[in-house]
Amino acid sequence: MPELRALLFPPEPRRFAGQRWVNVALRSVHLCAVAGLGAGFLHGLPPASWQPWLWVALASGSALGLLFVWSDGRWLVQPPGLAVLAKLGLLGLAPFVPAAGAWLFLGAVALSSVFAHAPARVRHCLLLPARWVPPQVRR
C-alpha cells in the first residue's frame, strides 16, 4: 500500500513538457463531444444519433481524469474529482429515466460549471476524510 500512496500522492504535483496543451486539447474535444451529446438529450433524438458523442465524451473525460490523477491523486478527493463521479452518476441514470434525460444532462453541465469556476480554495480542499493521503502532501 505504501507504493500506491507514493504513486498517487507525490510530494509535488507531476508535470511533463506540453501538459498544459494536452489538457487544453482534451478539454476542447470533451466540450465539443458534450455539445453533441447535449443536442441528443435536449432534443430527444434517438440514441444512435448521439451515442458517438457519448463515446468521445467518455474517452476524453477519462483521459482528463487520468491526467489529473497522475499529476496529483488528491484530485480524487477534491470537489472537481468528486463532481466527476456525481456527473457520471447523473448521466448513468439517464437510460433508466429517459424522461429526465435532459434535466440530468443539464445537472451534469451545471456541476461542471460550478467546479470549473469555483475559487481555488473550494476546488482544492479535501472534502473526504482522506486518512490515506500522506500528511506531507495534504494542503
Protein backbone atom coordinates (compact mmCIF):
# COMPACT_ATOMS: atom_id res chain seq x y z
CA MET A 1 0.00 0.00 0.00
CA PRO A 2 2.85 2.49 0.63
CA GLU A 3 3.84 2.16 -3.05
CA LEU A 4 0.32 3.04 -4.17
CA ARG A 5 0.23 6.03 -1.81
CA ALA A 6 3.57 7.24 -3.16
CA LEU A 7 2.32 6.79 -6.73
CA LEU A 8 -0.99 8.60 -6.15
CA PHE A 9 0.27 11.33 -3.84
CA PRO A 10 3.64 12.72 -4.91
CA PRO A 11 5.12 15.43 -2.64
CA GLU A 12 4.77 17.88 -5.54
CA PRO A 13 2.38 17.56 -8.49
CA ARG A 14 3.92 15.83 -11.51
CA ARG A 15 4.27 17.73 -14.77
CA PHE A 16 5.59 16.99 -18.24
CA ALA A 17 6.52 19.26 -21.13
CA GLY A 18 3.37 20.15 -23.05
CA GLN A 19 0.99 19.05 -20.30
CA ARG A 20 -0.93 22.32 -20.42
CA TRP A 21 -1.55 21.91 -24.17
CA VAL A 22 -2.57 18.26 -23.77
CA ASN A 23 -5.04 19.43 -21.12
CA VAL A 24 -6.38 22.21 -23.40
CA ALA A 25 -6.72 19.80 -26.34
CA LEU A 26 -8.53 17.16 -24.27
CA ARG A 27 -10.85 19.77 -22.77
CA SER A 28 -11.66 21.12 -26.23
CA VAL A 29 -12.50 17.66 -27.57
CA HIS A 30 -14.52 16.97 -24.43
CA LEU A 31 -16.54 20.19 -24.73
CA CYS A 32 -17.32 19.50 -28.40
CA ALA A 33 -18.46 15.99 -27.52
CA VAL A 34 -20.60 17.28 -24.65
CA ALA A 35 -22.25 19.73 -27.07
CA GLY A 36 -23.10 16.85 -29.42
CA LEU A 37 -24.35 14.77 -26.53
CA GLY A 38 -26.41 17.70 -25.27
CA ALA A 39 -28.15 18.06 -28.62
CA GLY A 40 -29.30 14.48 -28.31
CA PHE A 41 -30.53 14.84 -24.74
CA LEU A 42 -32.13 18.25 -25.15
CA HIS A 43 -33.91 17.48 -28.41
CA GLY A 44 -34.91 13.92 -27.58
CA LEU A 45 -33.03 12.48 -30.54
CA PRO A 46 -32.71 8.73 -30.99
CA PRO A 47 -29.66 7.28 -29.22
CA ALA A 48 -27.99 6.30 -32.50
CA SER A 49 -27.61 10.00 -33.34
CA TRP A 50 -25.82 10.98 -30.12
CA GLN A 51 -24.08 7.80 -28.95
CA PRO A 52 -20.86 8.52 -30.91
CA TRP A 53 -20.63 11.79 -28.96
CA LEU A 54 -21.13 9.85 -25.75
CA TRP A 55 -18.09 7.67 -26.50
CA VAL A 56 -15.93 10.67 -27.40
CA ALA A 57 -17.04 12.44 -24.20
CA LEU A 58 -16.29 9.36 -22.10
CA ALA A 59 -12.88 8.83 -23.74
CA SER A 60 -11.77 12.45 -23.48
CA GLY A 61 -13.15 12.81 -19.95
CA SER A 62 -11.39 9.61 -18.89
CA ALA A 63 -8.13 10.86 -20.38
CA LEU A 64 -8.51 14.14 -18.49
CA GLY A 65 -9.26 12.31 -15.25
CA LEU A 66 -6.22 10.07 -15.68
CA LEU A 67 -4.06 13.11 -16.36
CA PHE A 68 -5.33 14.80 -13.19
CA VAL A 69 -4.84 11.68 -11.06
CA TRP A 70 -1.35 11.09 -12.46
CA SER A 71 -0.43 14.70 -11.77
CA ASP A 72 -1.81 14.70 -8.23
CA GLY A 73 -4.03 11.97 -6.78
CA ARG A 74 -5.62 14.39 -4.33
CA TRP A 75 -7.89 15.33 -7.23
CA LEU A 76 -9.83 12.16 -6.37
CA VAL A 77 -10.91 13.59 -3.01
CA GLN A 78 -11.30 17.23 -4.03
CA PRO A 79 -14.55 18.80 -5.29
CA PRO A 80 -13.71 18.54 -9.03
CA GLY A 81 -12.91 14.82 -8.79
CA LEU A 82 -15.99 14.11 -6.72
CA ALA A 83 -18.09 16.21 -9.12
CA VAL A 84 -16.97 13.95 -11.98
CA LEU A 85 -18.31 10.96 -10.05
CA ALA A 86 -21.57 12.82 -9.42
CA LYS A 87 -21.86 13.75 -13.12
CA LEU A 88 -21.29 10.13 -14.15
CA GLY A 89 -23.98 9.13 -11.66
CA LEU A 90 -26.46 11.63 -13.09
CA LEU A 91 -25.77 10.60 -16.67
CA GLY A 92 -25.82 6.94 -15.69
CA LEU A 93 -29.42 7.40 -14.55
CA ALA A 94 -30.50 8.74 -17.95
CA PRO A 95 -31.07 5.34 -19.63
CA PHE A 96 -33.27 4.29 -16.69
CA VAL A 97 -35.26 7.54 -16.52
CA PRO A 98 -35.42 8.67 -20.17
CA ALA A 99 -38.00 11.37 -19.47
CA ALA A 100 -35.50 13.08 -17.14
CA GLY A 101 -32.53 12.74 -19.52
CA ALA A 102 -32.41 16.42 -20.44
CA TRP A 103 -32.59 17.51 -16.79
CA LEU A 104 -29.93 15.00 -15.75
CA PHE A 105 -27.69 16.26 -18.55
CA LEU A 106 -28.25 19.90 -17.50
CA GLY A 107 -27.46 18.96 -13.90
CA ALA A 108 -24.15 17.45 -15.03
CA VAL A 109 -23.34 20.60 -17.03
CA ALA A 110 -24.21 22.78 -14.02
CA LEU A 111 -21.87 20.75 -11.78
CA SER A 112 -19.12 21.18 -14.36
CA SER A 113 -19.60 24.91 -14.46
CA VAL A 114 -19.69 25.34 -10.69
CA PHE A 115 -16.48 23.43 -10.05
CA ALA A 116 -14.64 24.77 -13.08
CA HIS A 117 -15.20 28.36 -11.93
CA ALA A 118 -15.19 27.98 -8.15
CA PRO A 119 -12.42 29.73 -6.20
CA ALA A 120 -9.19 27.74 -5.76
CA ARG A 121 -9.85 27.37 -2.02
CA VAL A 122 -13.04 25.47 -2.90
CA ARG A 123 -11.61 23.45 -5.82
CA HIS A 124 -8.54 22.29 -3.91
CA CYS A 125 -9.93 21.46 -0.48
CA LEU A 126 -10.06 17.82 0.63
CA LEU A 127 -13.73 17.01 1.16
CA LEU A 128 -13.44 13.48 2.42
CA PRO A 129 -11.51 12.41 5.47
CA ALA A 130 -8.56 11.24 3.42
CA ARG A 131 -6.58 9.33 6.04
CA TRP A 132 -4.81 7.54 3.22
CA VAL A 133 -3.37 10.81 1.89
CA PRO A 134 0.11 11.19 3.42
CA PRO A 135 0.22 14.21 5.79
CA GLN A 136 3.15 15.81 3.93
CA VAL A 137 1.02 16.26 0.81
CA ARG A 138 -2.21 17.43 2.45
CA ARG A 139 -2.83 21.07 1.75
